[in-house]
């Protein structure tokens, strides 16, 4: 019986994205294997890791979620350097409701998520006509302006911030980690499905050629506003959640770390892919954490790693692995 080698994805994927034609268990594993592997890894990691590594994993999930929000805006043509704006707004809203009004955690987080998304969208709404570096500069400047206003007026605790906020009570620490990981998984697959919809097709068209979208009669800013609101809600949720983890919110909520790390995660993982944001965060955040022991050289090593990675693998690690994965071959029987 004569056999020949054939790529394993041959005949698996149909022309439409997200629609598959499966004929064997091998093809089912090929399609669902990477997704199931990621979900199983996220399910077991909180149980097998120690307390310190759980905190690192929580930071990974935080920056991965911010990276997804950054990638969603970037796929709409909005290159942002101000994800800390959404993080800080969500953190301050949750802290204000808890500190001044005494609202419990389980009310402040969802309310801060929605209102943080609304306020973040409202603040950036006048800038939607800008493109490229001009939009990026404004998103970087707005969080800095807000911190200076808080420092000068001393509102919401001023430079000292709001202390002694409510925690999650007697909730098991691992449960909180699972909650953040669940939000990450839902956001990841939700955004992937969103980009496969008609809304996502318009978003991709705006990124490729926004003038053609305008000339076709589509109101461009309406689609940008919706994408911005979704990204703002994800960032605000991160800020509100971490505010009650730390039991503190202040000017560090608008720190540049929340601007640079999501961008770095997309550089490492690969632009234009939400899963690349997650993979990049799983690489960047642990490296940044483990380099704390070298003191001031941490930034130098961190920057050198990004430079080397950008030069040697400009397409991103996830896009590289996806391309190699689709090149797997297996033997099939030749019909005579």
C-alpha atoms as a PDB file:
ATOM      1  CA  UNK A   1       0.000   0.000   0.000  1.00  0.00           C
ATOM      2  CA  UNK A   2       1.604   3.232  -1.186  1.00  0.00           C
ATOM      3  CA  UNK A   3       1.564   6.293   1.036  1.00  0.00           C
ATOM      4  CA  UNK A   4       2.630   9.889   0.636  1.00  0.00           C
ATOM      5  CA  UNK A   5       3.203  12.848   2.935  1.00  0.00           C
ATOM      6  CA  UNK A   6       0.513  15.516   3.171  1.00  0.00           C
ATOM      7  CA  UNK A   7       0.066  18.618   5.272  1.00  0.00           C
ATOM      8  CA  UNK A   8      -2.252  17.834   8.148  1.00  0.00           C
ATOM      9  CA  UNK A   9      -4.353  20.958   7.597  1.00  0.00           C
ATOM     10  CA  UNK A  10      -5.097  19.990   4.004  1.00  0.00           C
ATOM     11  CA  UNK A  11      -8.863  19.619   3.710  1.00  0.00           C
ATOM     12  CA  UNK A  12      -9.443  20.662   7.321  1.00  0.00           C
ATOM     13  CA  UNK A  13     -10.199  24.342   6.923  1.00  0.00           C
ATOM     14  CA  UNK A  14     -12.885  25.651   4.626  1.00  0.00           C
ATOM     15  CA  UNK A  15     -12.530  28.987   2.868  1.00  0.00           C
ATOM     16  CA  UNK A  16     -14.605  30.843   5.462  1.00  0.00           C
ATOM     17  CA  UNK A  17     -12.678  31.738   8.602  1.00  0.00           C
ATOM     18  CA  UNK A  18     -13.858  29.794  11.642  1.00  0.00           C
ATOM     19  CA  UNK A  19     -15.706  27.106   9.624  1.00  0.00           C
ATOM     20  CA  UNK A  20     -14.045  23.697   9.526  1.00  0.00           C
ATOM     21  CA  UNK A  21     -14.686  20.424   7.704  1.00  0.00           C
ATOM     22  CA  UNK A  22     -13.545  17.596   9.945  1.00  0.00           C
ATOM     23  CA  UNK A  23     -13.322  13.993   8.846  1.00  0.00           C
ATOM     24  CA  UNK A  24     -11.224  12.241  11.502  1.00  0.00           C
ATOM     25  CA  UNK A  25     -10.123  12.446  15.108  1.00  0.00           C
ATOM     26  CA  UNK A  26      -6.714  13.638  13.912  1.00  0.00           C
ATOM     27  CA  UNK A  27      -8.267  16.672  12.263  1.00  0.00           C
ATOM     28  CA  UNK A  28     -10.364  17.370  15.369  1.00  0.00           C
ATOM     29  CA  UNK A  29      -7.245  17.349  17.518  1.00  0.00           C
ATOM     30  CA  UNK A  30      -5.446  19.541  14.992  1.00  0.00           C
ATOM     31  CA  UNK A  31      -8.164  22.211  15.150  1.00  0.00           C
ATOM     32  CA  UNK A  32      -9.085  22.116  18.847  1.00  0.00           C
ATOM     33  CA  UNK A  33      -5.761  20.961  20.347  1.00  0.00           C
ATOM     34  CA  UNK A  34      -4.049  24.355  20.844  1.00  0.00           C
ATOM     35  CA  UNK A  35      -7.190  25.901  22.326  1.00  0.00           C
ATOM     36  CA  UNK A  36      -7.799  23.009  24.715  1.00  0.00           C
ATOM     37  CA  UNK A  37      -4.136  22.974  25.709  1.00  0.00           C
ATOM     38  CA  UNK A  38      -4.269  26.651  26.665  1.00  0.00           C
ATOM     39  CA  UNK A  39      -7.490  26.227  28.666  1.00  0.00           C
ATOM     40  CA  UNK A  40      -6.126  23.166  30.504  1.00  0.00           C
ATOM     41  CA  UNK A  41      -2.877  24.986  31.297  1.00  0.00           C
ATOM     42  CA  UNK A  42      -4.765  27.964  32.745  1.00  0.00           C
ATOM     43  CA  UNK A  43      -6.961  25.574  34.734  1.00  0.00           C
ATOM     44  CA  UNK A  44      -4.095  23.693  36.389  1.00  0.00           C
ATOM     45  CA  UNK A  45      -1.449  26.417  36.831  1.00  0.00           C
ATOM     46  CA  UNK A  46      -3.143  28.165  39.807  1.00  0.00           C
ATOM     47  CA  UNK A  47      -3.248  24.850  41.662  1.00  0.00           C
ATOM     48  CA  UNK A  48       0.358  23.711  41.122  1.00  0.00           C
ATOM     49  CA  UNK A  49       2.094  27.098  41.550  1.00  0.00           C
ATOM     50  CA  UNK A  50       3.208  28.541  44.873  1.00  0.00           C
ATOM     51  CA  UNK A  51       1.977  31.846  46.306  1.00  0.00           C
ATOM     52  CA  UNK A  52       4.673  33.979  44.662  1.00  0.00           C
ATOM     53  CA  UNK A  53       4.178  32.459  41.208  1.00  0.00           C
ATOM     54  CA  UNK A  54       0.423  32.867  41.578  1.00  0.00           C
ATOM     55  CA  UNK A  55       0.961  36.605  41.991  1.00  0.00           C
ATOM     56  CA  UNK A  56       3.161  36.570  38.875  1.00  0.00           C
ATOM     57  CA  UNK A  57       0.430  34.688  36.993  1.00  0.00           C
ATOM     58  CA  UNK A  58      -2.101  37.295  38.134  1.00  0.00           C
ATOM     59  CA  UNK A  59       0.129  40.016  36.683  1.00  0.00           C
ATOM     60  CA  UNK A  60       0.459  37.993  33.479  1.00  0.00           C
ATOM     61  CA  UNK A  61      -3.337  37.780  33.152  1.00  0.00           C
ATOM     62  CA  UNK A  62      -3.635  41.511  33.890  1.00  0.00           C
ATOM     63  CA  UNK A  63      -1.177  42.567  31.179  1.00  0.00           C
ATOM     64  CA  UNK A  64      -2.534  39.973  28.749  1.00  0.00           C
ATOM     65  CA  UNK A  65      -6.003  41.492  29.111  1.00  0.00           C
ATOM     66  CA  UNK A  66      -4.566  44.979  28.583  1.00  0.00           C
ATOM     67  CA  UNK A  67      -2.670  43.611  25.588  1.00  0.00           C
ATOM     68  CA  UNK A  68      -5.912  42.299  24.078  1.00  0.00           C
ATOM     69  CA  UNK A  69      -7.537  45.700  24.540  1.00  0.00           C
ATOM     70  CA  UNK A  70      -4.506  47.331  22.875  1.00  0.00           C
ATOM     71  CA  UNK A  71      -4.659  44.869  19.976  1.00  0.00           C
ATOM     72  CA  UNK A  72      -8.380  45.541  19.455  1.00  0.00           C
ATOM     73  CA  UNK A  73      -7.714  49.264  19.156  1.00  0.00           C
ATOM     74  CA  UNK A  74      -4.721  48.686  16.892  1.00  0.00           C
ATOM     75  CA  UNK A  75      -6.764  46.504  14.527  1.00  0.00           C
ATOM     76  CA  UNK A  76      -9.112  49.462  14.202  1.00  0.00           C
ATOM     77  CA  UNK A  77      -6.224  51.764  13.286  1.00  0.00           C
ATOM     78  CA  UNK A  78      -5.936  53.341  16.754  1.00  0.00           C
ATOM     79  CA  UNK A  79      -2.339  52.864  17.929  1.00  0.00           C
ATOM     80  CA  UNK A  80      -2.559  53.665  21.624  1.00  0.00           C
ATOM     81  CA  UNK A  81       0.122  54.421  24.186  1.00  0.00           C
ATOM     82  CA  UNK A  82      -2.367  55.112  26.954  1.00  0.00           C
ATOM     83  CA  UNK A  83      -3.848  51.868  28.219  1.00  0.00           C
ATOM     84  CA  UNK A  84      -3.082  53.234  31.693  1.00  0.00           C
ATOM     85  CA  UNK A  85      -5.903  55.731  31.076  1.00  0.00           C
ATOM     86  CA  UNK A  86      -8.491  52.939  31.140  1.00  0.00           C
ATOM     87  CA  UNK A  87      -6.740  51.142  33.994  1.00  0.00           C
ATOM     88  CA  UNK A  88      -6.569  54.283  36.112  1.00  0.00           C
ATOM     89  CA  UNK A  89     -10.163  55.348  35.449  1.00  0.00           C
ATOM     90  CA  UNK A  90     -11.470  51.906  36.416  1.00  0.00           C
ATOM     91  CA  UNK A  91      -9.301  51.837  39.528  1.00  0.00           C
ATOM     92  CA  UNK A  92     -10.310  55.302  40.701  1.00  0.00           C
ATOM     93  CA  UNK A  93     -14.012  54.741  40.032  1.00  0.00           C
ATOM     94  CA  UNK A  94     -14.025  51.529  42.036  1.00  0.00           C
ATOM     95  CA  UNK A  95     -11.958  53.108  44.813  1.00  0.00           C
ATOM     96  CA  UNK A  96     -14.189  56.189  45.026  1.00  0.00           C
ATOM     97  CA  UNK A  97     -17.390  54.150  45.228  1.00  0.00           C
ATOM     98  CA  UNK A  98     -15.896  51.963  47.947  1.00  0.00           C
ATOM     99  CA  UNK A  99     -14.043  54.630  49.951  1.00  0.00           C
ATOM    100  CA  UNK A 100     -16.581  57.473  49.932  1.00  0.00           C
ATOM    101  CA  UNK A 101     -19.888  55.675  49.461  1.00  0.00           C
ATOM    102  CA  UNK A 102     -19.091  52.357  51.150  1.00  0.00           C
ATOM    103  CA  UNK A 103     -20.302  50.206  48.258  1.00  0.00           C
ATOM    104  CA  UNK A 104     -19.183  46.544  48.372  1.00  0.00           C
ATOM    105  CA  UNK A 105     -16.600  45.111  46.019  1.00  0.00           C
ATOM    106  CA  UNK A 106     -19.020  43.043  43.993  1.00  0.00           C
ATOM    107  CA  UNK A 107     -20.934  46.181  43.013  1.00  0.00           C
ATOM    108  CA  UNK A 108     -18.021  48.547  42.463  1.00  0.00           C
ATOM    109  CA  UNK A 109     -16.132  46.324  39.997  1.00  0.00           C
ATOM    110  CA  UNK A 110     -18.918  45.796  37.407  1.00  0.00           C
ATOM    111  CA  UNK A 111     -20.097  49.402  37.726  1.00  0.00           C
ATOM    112  CA  UNK A 112     -16.523  50.714  37.384  1.00  0.00           C
ATOM    113  CA  UNK A 113     -16.025  48.460  34.354  1.00  0.00           C
ATOM    114  CA  UNK A 114     -19.012  49.885  32.476  1.00  0.00           C
ATOM    115  CA  UNK A 115     -18.608  53.491  33.587  1.00  0.00           C
ATOM    116  CA  UNK A 116     -14.859  53.307  33.080  1.00  0.00           C
ATOM    117  CA  UNK A 117     -15.483  52.155  29.523  1.00  0.00           C
ATOM    118  CA  UNK A 118     -17.938  55.017  29.013  1.00  0.00           C
ATOM    119  CA  UNK A 119     -15.609  57.687  30.445  1.00  0.00           C
ATOM    120  CA  UNK A 120     -12.561  56.360  28.581  1.00  0.00           C
ATOM    121  CA  UNK A 121     -14.538  56.468  25.343  1.00  0.00           C
ATOM    122  CA  UNK A 122     -15.863  59.947  26.107  1.00  0.00           C
ATOM    123  CA  UNK A 123     -12.366  61.309  26.809  1.00  0.00           C
ATOM    124  CA  UNK A 124     -10.891  59.903  23.584  1.00  0.00           C
ATOM    125  CA  UNK A 125     -13.946  60.573  21.430  1.00  0.00           C
ATOM    126  CA  UNK A 126     -12.654  63.950  20.096  1.00  0.00           C
ATOM    127  CA  UNK A 127      -9.368  62.285  19.055  1.00  0.00           C
ATOM    128  CA  UNK A 128     -10.885  59.603  16.801  1.00  0.00           C
ATOM    129  CA  UNK A 129     -10.261  61.709  13.706  1.00  0.00           C
ATOM    130  CA  UNK A 130      -6.523  61.528  14.365  1.00  0.00           C
ATOM    131  CA  UNK A 131      -4.385  58.697  13.009  1.00  0.00           C
ATOM    132  CA  UNK A 132      -0.969  57.186  13.570  1.00  0.00           C
ATOM    133  CA  UNK A 133       1.539  58.968  15.758  1.00  0.00           C
ATOM    134  CA  UNK A 134      -0.818  61.890  16.496  1.00  0.00           C
ATOM    135  CA  UNK A 135      -3.393  59.623  18.145  1.00  0.00           C
ATOM    136  CA  UNK A 136      -0.612  57.754  19.984  1.00  0.00           C
ATOM    137  CA  UNK A 137       0.872  60.961  21.398  1.00  0.00           C
ATOM    138  CA  UNK A 138      -2.468  62.166  22.735  1.00  0.00           C
ATOM    139  CA  UNK A 139      -3.248  58.839  24.400  1.00  0.00           C
ATOM    140  CA  UNK A 140       0.168  58.996  26.082  1.00  0.00           C
ATOM    141  CA  UNK A 141      -0.309  62.578  27.270  1.00  0.00           C
ATOM    142  CA  UNK A 142      -3.822  62.304  28.701  1.00  0.00           C
ATOM    143  CA  UNK A 143      -2.887  60.003  31.651  1.00  0.00           C
ATOM    144  CA  UNK A 144       0.031  62.318  32.461  1.00  0.00           C
ATOM    145  CA  UNK A 145      -2.310  65.313  32.464  1.00  0.00           C
ATOM    146  CA  UNK A 146      -4.746  63.536  34.787  1.00  0.00           C
ATOM    147  CA  UNK A 147      -1.978  62.703  37.281  1.00  0.00           C
ATOM    148  CA  UNK A 148      -0.828  66.320  37.329  1.00  0.00           C
ATOM    149  CA  UNK A 149      -4.401  67.483  37.965  1.00  0.00           C
ATOM    150  CA  UNK A 150      -4.761  65.028  40.860  1.00  0.00           C
ATOM    151  CA  UNK A 151      -1.427  66.160  42.298  1.00  0.00           C
ATOM    152  CA  UNK A 152      -2.222  69.876  41.998  1.00  0.00           C
ATOM    153  CA  UNK A 153      -5.812  69.780  43.259  1.00  0.00           C
ATOM    154  CA  UNK A 154      -5.252  66.967  45.813  1.00  0.00           C
ATOM    155  CA  UNK A 155      -8.572  65.385  44.933  1.00  0.00           C
ATOM    156  CA  UNK A 156      -9.217  61.712  45.674  1.00  0.00           C
ATOM    157  CA  UNK A 157      -6.366  61.579  48.180  1.00  0.00           C
ATOM    158  CA  UNK A 158      -3.908  63.537  46.043  1.00  0.00           C
ATOM    159  CA  UNK A 159      -0.450  62.012  45.888  1.00  0.00           C
ATOM    160  CA  UNK A 160      -1.238  59.649  48.773  1.00  0.00           C
ATOM    161  CA  UNK A 161      -4.244  58.077  47.042  1.00  0.00           C
ATOM    162  CA  UNK A 162      -7.093  56.192  48.686  1.00  0.00           C
ATOM    163  CA  UNK A 163      -6.015  53.620  51.294  1.00  0.00           C
ATOM    164  CA  UNK A 164      -7.799  50.891  53.216  1.00  0.00           C
ATOM    165  CA  UNK A 165     -10.215  49.880  50.499  1.00  0.00           C
ATOM    166  CA  UNK A 166     -12.317  46.773  50.924  1.00  0.00           C
ATOM    167  CA  UNK A 167     -10.806  43.467  49.931  1.00  0.00           C
ATOM    168  CA  UNK A 168     -12.610  40.422  48.580  1.00  0.00           C
ATOM    169  CA  UNK A 169     -13.161  39.182  52.133  1.00  0.00           C
ATOM    170  CA  UNK A 170     -12.654  35.519  52.929  1.00  0.00           C
ATOM    171  CA  UNK A 171     -12.625  34.488  49.277  1.00  0.00           C
ATOM    172  CA  UNK A 172      -9.938  31.926  48.487  1.00  0.00           C
ATOM    173  CA  UNK A 173      -6.960  33.577  46.780  1.00  0.00           C
ATOM    174  CA  UNK A 174      -6.902  30.954  44.027  1.00  0.00           C
ATOM    175  CA  UNK A 175     -10.541  31.778  43.232  1.00  0.00           C
ATOM    176  CA  UNK A 176      -9.589  35.399  42.498  1.00  0.00           C
ATOM    177  CA  UNK A 177      -6.876  34.181  40.148  1.00  0.00           C
ATOM    178  CA  UNK A 178      -9.374  31.925  38.391  1.00  0.00           C
ATOM    179  CA  UNK A 179     -11.720  34.907  38.088  1.00  0.00           C
ATOM    180  CA  UNK A 180      -9.072  36.976  36.311  1.00  0.00           C
ATOM    181  CA  UNK A 181      -8.098  34.031  34.084  1.00  0.00           C
ATOM    182  CA  UNK A 182     -11.757  33.466  33.210  1.00  0.00           C
ATOM    183  CA  UNK A 183     -12.065  37.128  32.215  1.00  0.00           C
ATOM    184  CA  UNK A 184      -8.951  36.697  30.080  1.00  0.00           C
ATOM    185  CA  UNK A 185     -10.279  33.602  28.287  1.00  0.00           C
ATOM    186  CA  UNK A 186     -13.707  35.165  27.700  1.00  0.00           C
ATOM    187  CA  UNK A 187     -12.131  38.356  26.336  1.00  0.00           C
ATOM    188  CA  UNK A 188      -9.732  36.396  24.125  1.00  0.00           C
ATOM    189  CA  UNK A 189     -12.298  34.167  22.438  1.00  0.00           C
ATOM    190  CA  UNK A 190     -14.920  36.925  22.462  1.00  0.00           C
ATOM    191  CA  UNK A 191     -12.643  39.317  20.567  1.00  0.00           C
ATOM    192  CA  UNK A 192     -11.609  36.568  18.146  1.00  0.00           C
ATOM    193  CA  UNK A 193     -15.258  35.830  17.407  1.00  0.00           C
ATOM    194  CA  UNK A 194     -16.006  39.549  17.152  1.00  0.00           C
ATOM    195  CA  UNK A 195     -13.356  40.009  14.468  1.00  0.00           C
ATOM    196  CA  UNK A 196     -14.928  37.187  12.433  1.00  0.00           C
ATOM    197  CA  UNK A 197     -18.288  38.990  12.401  1.00  0.00           C
ATOM    198  CA  UNK A 198     -19.468  41.727  10.041  1.00  0.00           C
ATOM    199  CA  UNK A 199     -18.375  44.272  12.638  1.00  0.00           C
ATOM    200  CA  UNK A 200     -14.870  42.803  12.592  1.00  0.00           C
ATOM    201  CA  UNK A 201     -14.718  42.936   8.794  1.00  0.00           C
ATOM    202  CA  UNK A 202     -15.422  46.676   8.923  1.00  0.00           C
ATOM    203  CA  UNK A 203     -12.813  47.106  11.664  1.00  0.00           C
ATOM    204  CA  UNK A 204     -10.190  45.363   9.534  1.00  0.00           C
ATOM    205  CA  UNK A 205     -11.172  47.478   6.548  1.00  0.00           C
ATOM    206  CA  UNK A 206     -10.728  50.643   8.608  1.00  0.00           C
ATOM    207  CA  UNK A 207      -7.225  49.480   9.521  1.00  0.00           C
ATOM    208  CA  UNK A 208      -6.331  48.702   5.895  1.00  0.00           C
ATOM    209  CA  UNK A 209      -7.841  51.750   4.190  1.00  0.00           C
ATOM    210  CA  UNK A 210     -10.151  53.998   6.167  1.00  0.00           C
ATOM    211  CA  UNK A 211     -10.706  56.332   3.189  1.00  0.00           C
ATOM    212  CA  UNK A 212     -12.269  53.499   1.221  1.00  0.00           C
ATOM    213  CA  UNK A 213     -14.560  52.729   4.158  1.00  0.00           C
ATOM    214  CA  UNK A 214     -15.703  56.357   4.273  1.00  0.00           C
ATOM    215  CA  UNK A 215     -16.281  56.441   0.522  1.00  0.00           C
ATOM    216  CA  UNK A 216     -18.460  53.312   0.776  1.00  0.00           C
ATOM    217  CA  UNK A 217     -20.929  55.189   3.000  1.00  0.00           C
ATOM    218  CA  UNK A 218     -19.998  53.606   6.352  1.00  0.00           C
ATOM    219  CA  UNK A 219     -19.837  55.980   9.328  1.00  0.00           C
ATOM    220  CA  UNK A 220     -16.280  55.233  10.410  1.00  0.00           C
ATOM    221  CA  UNK A 221     -16.314  56.903  13.843  1.00  0.00           C
ATOM    222  CA  UNK A 222     -19.300  54.822  15.001  1.00  0.00           C
ATOM    223  CA  UNK A 223     -17.338  51.598  14.532  1.00  0.00           C
ATOM    224  CA  UNK A 224     -14.254  53.115  16.130  1.00  0.00           C
ATOM    225  CA  UNK A 225     -16.310  54.265  19.116  1.00  0.00           C
ATOM    226  CA  UNK A 226     -17.690  50.772  19.736  1.00  0.00           C
ATOM    227  CA  UNK A 227     -14.233  49.200  19.483  1.00  0.00           C
ATOM    228  CA  UNK A 228     -12.875  51.867  21.836  1.00  0.00           C
ATOM    229  CA  UNK A 229     -15.679  51.213  24.345  1.00  0.00           C
ATOM    230  CA  UNK A 230     -14.943  47.465  24.415  1.00  0.00           C
ATOM    231  CA  UNK A 231     -11.218  48.099  24.892  1.00  0.00           C
ATOM    232  CA  UNK A 232     -11.945  50.695  27.602  1.00  0.00           C
ATOM    233  CA  UNK A 233     -14.168  48.256  29.496  1.00  0.00           C
ATOM    234  CA  UNK A 234     -11.426  45.614  29.509  1.00  0.00           C
ATOM    235  CA  UNK A 235      -8.866  48.093  30.823  1.00  0.00           C
ATOM    236  CA  UNK A 236     -11.287  49.489  33.419  1.00  0.00           C
ATOM    237  CA  UNK A 237     -12.060  45.972  34.676  1.00  0.00           C
ATOM    238  CA  UNK A 238      -8.331  45.372  35.212  1.00  0.00           C
ATOM    239  CA  UNK A 239      -8.008  48.615  37.164  1.00  0.00           C
ATOM    240  CA  UNK A 240     -11.095  47.995  39.315  1.00  0.00           C
ATOM    241  CA  UNK A 241     -10.081  44.396  40.055  1.00  0.00           C
ATOM    242  CA  UNK A 242      -6.487  45.202  41.015  1.00  0.00           C
ATOM    243  CA  UNK A 243      -7.600  48.149  43.153  1.00  0.00           C
ATOM    244  CA  UNK A 244      -9.296  45.759  45.554  1.00  0.00           C
ATOM    245  CA  UNK A 245      -6.431  43.283  45.350  1.00  0.00           C
ATOM    246  CA  UNK A 246      -3.992  45.987  46.502  1.00  0.00           C
ATOM    247  CA  UNK A 247      -6.652  47.778  48.622  1.00  0.00           C
ATOM    248  CA  UNK A 248      -5.191  51.041  47.304  1.00  0.00           C
ATOM    249  CA  UNK A 249      -5.605  53.315  44.329  1.00  0.00           C
ATOM    250  CA  UNK A 250      -3.534  56.378  43.533  1.00  0.00           C
ATOM    251  CA  UNK A 251      -1.455  58.085  40.890  1.00  0.00           C
ATOM    252  CA  UNK A 252       0.542  54.878  40.150  1.00  0.00           C
ATOM    253  CA  UNK A 253      -2.652  53.576  38.490  1.00  0.00           C
ATOM    254  CA  UNK A 254      -1.718  55.838  35.554  1.00  0.00           C
ATOM    255  CA  UNK A 255       1.842  54.520  35.490  1.00  0.00           C
ATOM    256  CA  UNK A 256       3.653  54.063  32.182  1.00  0.00           C
ATOM    257  CA  UNK A 257       4.018  50.351  32.950  1.00  0.00           C
ATOM    258  CA  UNK A 258       0.384  49.889  31.976  1.00  0.00           C
ATOM    259  CA  UNK A 259       1.158  51.635  28.674  1.00  0.00           C
ATOM    260  CA  UNK A 260       4.426  49.950  27.725  1.00  0.00           C
ATOM    261  CA  UNK A 261       3.843  46.358  28.854  1.00  0.00           C
ATOM    262  CA  UNK A 262       0.757  45.729  26.663  1.00  0.00           C
ATOM    263  CA  UNK A 263       2.642  47.121  23.678  1.00  0.00           C
ATOM    264  CA  UNK A 264       5.687  44.966  24.486  1.00  0.00           C
ATOM    265  CA  UNK A 265       3.458  41.891  24.791  1.00  0.00           C
ATOM    266  CA  UNK A 266       2.136  42.529  21.283  1.00  0.00           C
ATOM    267  CA  UNK A 267       5.657  43.064  19.943  1.00  0.00           C
ATOM    268  CA  UNK A 268       6.784  39.698  21.301  1.00  0.00           C
ATOM    269  CA  UNK A 269       3.591  37.771  20.555  1.00  0.00           C
ATOM    270  CA  UNK A 270       2.849  39.333  17.195  1.00  0.00           C
ATOM    271  CA  UNK A 271       0.711  42.194  15.975  1.00  0.00           C
ATOM    272  CA  UNK A 272      -2.783  41.630  14.661  1.00  0.00           C
ATOM    273  CA  UNK A 273      -3.509  38.559  16.768  1.00  0.00           C
ATOM    274  CA  UNK A 274      -5.198  38.464  20.165  1.00  0.00           C
ATOM    275  CA  UNK A 275      -3.591  35.151  21.082  1.00  0.00           C
ATOM    276  CA  UNK A 276      -0.222  36.760  20.366  1.00  0.00           C
ATOM    277  CA  UNK A 277      -0.956  39.355  23.060  1.00  0.00           C
ATOM    278  CA  UNK A 278      -1.558  36.579  25.588  1.00  0.00           C
ATOM    279  CA  UNK A 279       1.554  34.630  24.584  1.00  0.00           C
ATOM    280  CA  UNK A 280       3.669  37.787  24.685  1.00  0.00           C
ATOM    281  CA  UNK A 281       2.425  38.603  28.196  1.00  0.00           C
ATOM    282  CA  UNK A 282       3.334  35.086  29.362  1.00  0.00           C
ATOM    283  CA  UNK A 283       6.899  35.757  28.200  1.00  0.00           C
ATOM    284  CA  UNK A 284       7.412  39.439  28.980  1.00  0.00           C
ATOM    285  CA  UNK A 285       5.908  39.646  32.473  1.00  0.00           C
ATOM    286  CA  UNK A 286       7.857  36.727  34.063  1.00  0.00           C
ATOM    287  CA  UNK A 287      11.103  38.001  32.512  1.00  0.00           C
ATOM    288  CA  UNK A 288      10.424  41.490  33.856  1.00  0.00           C
ATOM    289  CA  UNK A 289       9.624  40.031  37.287  1.00  0.00           C
ATOM    290  CA  UNK A 290      12.650  37.766  37.516  1.00  0.00           C
ATOM    291  CA  UNK A 291      14.981  40.603  36.467  1.00  0.00           C
ATOM    292  CA  UNK A 292      14.116  42.607  39.583  1.00  0.00           C
ATOM    293  CA  UNK A 293      17.127  41.069  41.302  1.00  0.00           C
ATOM    294  CA  UNK A 294      19.613  42.841  38.997  1.00  0.00           C
ATOM    295  CA  UNK A 295      18.540  46.294  40.186  1.00  0.00           C
ATOM    296  CA  UNK A 296      19.067  49.164  37.754  1.00  0.00           C
ATOM    297  CA  UNK A 297      20.290  46.845  35.024  1.00  0.00           C
ATOM    298  CA  UNK A 298      16.785  45.388  34.821  1.00  0.00           C
ATOM    299  CA  UNK A 299      15.665  48.002  32.299  1.00  0.00           C
ATOM    300  CA  UNK A 300      18.818  47.491  30.215  1.00  0.00           C
ATOM    301  CA  UNK A 301      18.351  43.704  30.013  1.00  0.00           C
ATOM    302  CA  UNK A 302      14.653  44.141  29.390  1.00  0.00           C
ATOM    303  CA  UNK A 303      15.208  46.604  26.543  1.00  0.00           C
ATOM    304  CA  UNK A 304      17.966  44.461  25.035  1.00  0.00           C
ATOM    305  CA  UNK A 305      15.637  41.455  25.018  1.00  0.00           C
ATOM    306  CA  UNK A 306      12.950  43.422  23.172  1.00  0.00           C
ATOM    307  CA  UNK A 307      15.439  44.725  20.606  1.00  0.00           C
ATOM    308  CA  UNK A 308      16.843  41.260  19.902  1.00  0.00           C
ATOM    309  CA  UNK A 309      13.372  39.760  19.700  1.00  0.00           C
ATOM    310  CA  UNK A 310      12.136  42.472  17.326  1.00  0.00           C
ATOM    311  CA  UNK A 311      15.109  41.992  14.985  1.00  0.00           C
ATOM    312  CA  UNK A 312      15.260  38.202  14.953  1.00  0.00           C
ATOM    313  CA  UNK A 313      11.501  37.509  14.899  1.00  0.00           C
ATOM    314  CA  UNK A 314       9.677  40.615  13.602  1.00  0.00           C
ATOM    315  CA  UNK A 315       6.479  38.680  12.801  1.00  0.00           C
ATOM    316  CA  UNK A 316       6.017  37.753  16.463  1.00  0.00           C
ATOM    317  CA  UNK A 317       6.355  34.450  18.244  1.00  0.00           C
ATOM    318  CA  UNK A 318       2.714  33.396  17.932  1.00  0.00           C
ATOM    319  CA  UNK A 319       2.568  34.023  14.182  1.00  0.00           C
ATOM    320  CA  UNK A 320       5.808  32.047  13.787  1.00  0.00           C
ATOM    321  CA  UNK A 321       4.482  29.105  15.831  1.00  0.00           C
ATOM    322  CA  UNK A 322       1.144  29.181  14.007  1.00  0.00           C
ATOM    323  CA  UNK A 323       2.894  29.031  10.646  1.00  0.00           C
ATOM    324  CA  UNK A 324       5.054  26.102  11.750  1.00  0.00           C
ATOM    325  CA  UNK A 325       2.056  24.330  13.266  1.00  0.00           C
ATOM    326  CA  UNK A 326       0.173  24.512   9.979  1.00  0.00           C
ATOM    327  CA  UNK A 327       3.140  22.910   8.205  1.00  0.00           C
ATOM    328  CA  UNK A 328       2.893  19.600  10.095  1.00  0.00           C
ATOM    329  CA  UNK A 329       2.653  16.613   7.780  1.00  0.00           C
ATOM    330  CA  UNK A 330       1.321  13.074   8.039  1.00  0.00           C
ATOM    331  CA  UNK A 331       1.163  10.017   5.769  1.00  0.00           C
ATOM    332  CA  UNK A 332      -1.961   9.267   3.755  1.00  0.00           C
ATOM    333  CA  UNK A 333      -2.822   6.334   1.523  1.00  0.00           C
ATOM    334  CA  UNK A 334      -2.526   6.956  -2.206  1.00  0.00           C
ATOM    335  CA  UNK A 335      -5.646   5.862  -4.054  1.00  0.00           C
ATOM    336  CA  UNK A 336      -4.952   4.130  -7.357  1.00  0.00           C
END
